[in-house]
Amino acid sequence: MEMIKKSIIHASELHRSAGKLLKRVALQDEHLVVERDGYPVAVLLSYPEYEELMHLHALETHQELMRTLSQEAERQGLSEEQLMVELEKDKRAVYKATYGSNPA
């Protein structure tokens, strides 16, 4: 795995040289930390890296949800089959509340 270069730039530099800085981020695997008044306020990174970050965040969120559901099902003494039946009922209720009818 290649090390990613991290550079700090000032917001005024981003304002003056946005095109050049975007090219650096896109082509050179560089992260740019944007500071304003000495405080970091944003980070520029390539779009593929952003997508990967969002994917990892979604996976973590899903895993946490699954842990919570599993703990609640266990607390209520529900089997996996019972849990799936309850989830299907809830899914249909949400669909009906949102769209006014049950899904086909």
C-alpha atoms as a PDB file:
ATOM      1  CA  MET A   1       0.000   0.000   0.000  1.00  0.00           C
ATOM      2  CA  GLU A   2       1.365   3.359  -1.057  1.00  0.00           C
ATOM      3  CA  MET A   3       1.713   6.234   1.401  1.00  0.00           C
ATOM      4  CA  ILE A   4      -0.513   9.172   0.642  1.00  0.00           C
ATOM      5  CA  LYS A   5       1.055  12.582   0.822  1.00  0.00           C
ATOM      6  CA  LYS A   6      -0.730  15.071   3.062  1.00  0.00           C
ATOM      7  CA  SER A   7      -0.187  18.793   2.592  1.00  0.00           C
ATOM      8  CA  ILE A   8      -1.620  21.778   4.406  1.00  0.00           C
ATOM      9  CA  ILE A   9      -2.810  24.732   2.377  1.00  0.00           C
ATOM     10  CA  HIS A  10      -4.492  27.963   3.352  1.00  0.00           C
ATOM     11  CA  ALA A  11      -8.019  28.750   2.162  1.00  0.00           C
ATOM     12  CA  SER A  12      -6.655  31.743   0.252  1.00  0.00           C
ATOM     13  CA  GLU A  13      -4.370  29.427  -1.748  1.00  0.00           C
ATOM     14  CA  LEU A  14      -7.383  27.244  -2.623  1.00  0.00           C
ATOM     15  CA  HIS A  15      -9.215  30.354  -3.773  1.00  0.00           C
ATOM     16  CA  ARG A  16      -6.281  31.468  -5.964  1.00  0.00           C
ATOM     17  CA  SER A  17      -5.229  28.108  -7.365  1.00  0.00           C
ATOM     18  CA  ALA A  18      -8.239  25.778  -7.265  1.00  0.00           C
ATOM     19  CA  GLY A  19      -7.604  24.225 -10.683  1.00  0.00           C
ATOM     20  CA  LYS A  20      -3.971  23.421  -9.965  1.00  0.00           C
ATOM     21  CA  LEU A  21      -4.794  22.018  -6.515  1.00  0.00           C
ATOM     22  CA  LEU A  22      -7.603  19.840  -7.846  1.00  0.00           C
ATOM     23  CA  LYS A  23      -5.193  18.417 -10.407  1.00  0.00           C
ATOM     24  CA  ARG A  24      -2.692  17.593  -7.630  1.00  0.00           C
ATOM     25  CA  VAL A  25      -5.367  15.773  -5.659  1.00  0.00           C
ATOM     26  CA  ALA A  26      -6.700  13.875  -8.671  1.00  0.00           C
ATOM     27  CA  LEU A  27      -3.392  12.826 -10.203  1.00  0.00           C
ATOM     28  CA  GLN A  28      -0.839  12.607  -7.399  1.00  0.00           C
ATOM     29  CA  ASP A  29      -2.634  10.720  -4.593  1.00  0.00           C
ATOM     30  CA  GLU A  30      -2.330  13.765  -2.385  1.00  0.00           C
ATOM     31  CA  HIS A  31      -4.651  14.940   0.360  1.00  0.00           C
ATOM     32  CA  LEU A  32      -4.857  18.671   0.934  1.00  0.00           C
ATOM     33  CA  VAL A  33      -5.913  19.907   4.356  1.00  0.00           C
ATOM     34  CA  VAL A  34      -7.425  23.373   3.971  1.00  0.00           C
ATOM     35  CA  GLU A  35      -6.868  25.721   6.891  1.00  0.00           C
ATOM     36  CA  ARG A  36      -8.591  28.959   7.684  1.00  0.00           C
ATOM     37  CA  ASP A  37      -7.223  31.150  10.468  1.00  0.00           C
ATOM     38  CA  GLY A  38      -4.894  28.302  11.444  1.00  0.00           C
ATOM     39  CA  TYR A  39      -7.659  25.708  11.887  1.00  0.00           C
ATOM     40  CA  PRO A  40      -8.332  22.766   9.561  1.00  0.00           C
ATOM     41  CA  VAL A  41     -11.755  23.218   7.954  1.00  0.00           C
ATOM     42  CA  ALA A  42     -11.798  20.831   4.980  1.00  0.00           C
ATOM     43  CA  VAL A  43      -9.882  18.148   3.140  1.00  0.00           C
ATOM     44  CA  LEU A  44      -9.551  17.684  -0.610  1.00  0.00           C
ATOM     45  CA  LEU A  45      -9.108  14.115  -1.788  1.00  0.00           C
ATOM     46  CA  SER A  46      -9.708  12.299  -5.045  1.00  0.00           C
ATOM     47  CA  TYR A  47     -13.209  11.131  -5.890  1.00  0.00           C
ATOM     48  CA  PRO A  48     -12.278   7.402  -5.884  1.00  0.00           C
ATOM     49  CA  GLU A  49     -10.860   7.839  -2.373  1.00  0.00           C
ATOM     50  CA  TYR A  50     -14.051   9.619  -1.309  1.00  0.00           C
ATOM     51  CA  GLU A  51     -16.158   6.761  -2.711  1.00  0.00           C
ATOM     52  CA  GLU A  52     -14.031   4.230  -0.826  1.00  0.00           C
ATOM     53  CA  LEU A  53     -14.397   6.241   2.376  1.00  0.00           C
ATOM     54  CA  MET A  54     -18.195   6.382   1.963  1.00  0.00           C
ATOM     55  CA  HIS A  55     -18.293   2.640   1.234  1.00  0.00           C
ATOM     56  CA  LEU A  56     -16.327   1.884   4.411  1.00  0.00           C
ATOM     57  CA  HIS A  57     -18.603   4.178   6.409  1.00  0.00           C
ATOM     58  CA  ALA A  58     -21.694   2.408   5.026  1.00  0.00           C
ATOM     59  CA  LEU A  59     -20.208  -0.991   5.929  1.00  0.00           C
ATOM     60  CA  GLU A  60     -19.476   0.153   9.488  1.00  0.00           C
ATOM     61  CA  THR A  61     -22.990   1.562   9.829  1.00  0.00           C
ATOM     62  CA  HIS A  62     -24.499  -1.683   8.513  1.00  0.00           C
ATOM     63  CA  GLN A  63     -22.405  -3.796  10.888  1.00  0.00           C
ATOM     64  CA  GLU A  64     -23.433  -1.651  13.852  1.00  0.00           C
ATOM     65  CA  LEU A  65     -27.098  -1.926  12.844  1.00  0.00           C
ATOM     66  CA  MET A  66     -26.794  -5.707  12.540  1.00  0.00           C
ATOM     67  CA  ARG A  67     -25.158  -5.944  15.987  1.00  0.00           C
ATOM     68  CA  THR A  68     -27.945  -3.834  17.489  1.00  0.00           C
ATOM     69  CA  LEU A  69     -30.675  -5.896  15.801  1.00  0.00           C
ATOM     70  CA  SER A  70     -29.044  -9.128  16.911  1.00  0.00           C
ATOM     71  CA  GLN A  71     -28.779  -7.943  20.519  1.00  0.00           C
ATOM     72  CA  GLU A  72     -32.415  -6.762  20.535  1.00  0.00           C
ATOM     73  CA  ALA A  73     -33.649 -10.019  18.988  1.00  0.00           C
ATOM     74  CA  GLU A  74     -31.699 -11.981  21.586  1.00  0.00           C
ATOM     75  CA  ARG A  75     -33.051  -9.771  24.380  1.00  0.00           C
ATOM     76  CA  GLN A  76     -36.610 -10.426  23.167  1.00  0.00           C
ATOM     77  CA  GLY A  77     -35.966 -14.145  22.694  1.00  0.00           C
ATOM     78  CA  LEU A  78     -36.709 -14.054  18.970  1.00  0.00           C
ATOM     79  CA  SER A  79     -35.377 -16.696  16.617  1.00  0.00           C
ATOM     80  CA  GLU A  80     -33.893 -15.642  13.292  1.00  0.00           C
ATOM     81  CA  GLU A  81     -37.075 -16.803  11.549  1.00  0.00           C
ATOM     82  CA  GLN A  82     -39.284 -14.773  13.923  1.00  0.00           C
ATOM     83  CA  LEU A  83     -37.072 -11.742  13.447  1.00  0.00           C
ATOM     84  CA  MET A  84     -37.376 -12.010   9.657  1.00  0.00           C
ATOM     85  CA  VAL A  85     -41.192 -12.200   9.949  1.00  0.00           C
ATOM     86  CA  GLU A  86     -41.208  -9.087  12.168  1.00  0.00           C
ATOM     87  CA  LEU A  87     -38.896  -7.234   9.804  1.00  0.00           C
ATOM     88  CA  GLU A  88     -41.138  -8.082   6.839  1.00  0.00           C
ATOM     89  CA  LYS A  89     -44.202  -6.788   8.710  1.00  0.00           C
ATOM     90  CA  ASP A  90     -42.376  -3.560   9.564  1.00  0.00           C
ATOM     91  CA  LYS A  91     -41.144  -3.175   5.984  1.00  0.00           C
ATOM     92  CA  ARG A  92     -44.675  -3.520   4.641  1.00  0.00           C
ATOM     93  CA  ALA A  93     -46.028  -1.031   7.194  1.00  0.00           C
ATOM     94  CA  VAL A  94     -43.392   1.543   6.255  1.00  0.00           C
ATOM     95  CA  TYR A  95     -44.103   0.999   2.546  1.00  0.00           C
ATOM     96  CA  LYS A  96     -47.833   1.432   3.113  1.00  0.00           C
ATOM     97  CA  ALA A  97     -47.302   4.585   5.179  1.00  0.00           C
ATOM     98  CA  THR A  98     -45.017   5.997   2.497  1.00  0.00           C
ATOM     99  CA  TYR A  99     -46.827   4.951  -0.675  1.00  0.00           C
ATOM    100  CA  GLY A 100     -50.387   4.310   0.517  1.00  0.00           C
ATOM    101  CA  SER A 101     -50.560   0.639  -0.455  1.00  0.00           C
ATOM    102  CA  ASN A 102     -48.780  -2.633   0.133  1.00  0.00           C
ATOM    103  CA  PRO A 103     -46.001  -3.677  -2.260  1.00  0.00           C
ATOM    104  CA  ALA A 104     -46.899  -6.265  -4.877  1.00  0.00           C
END
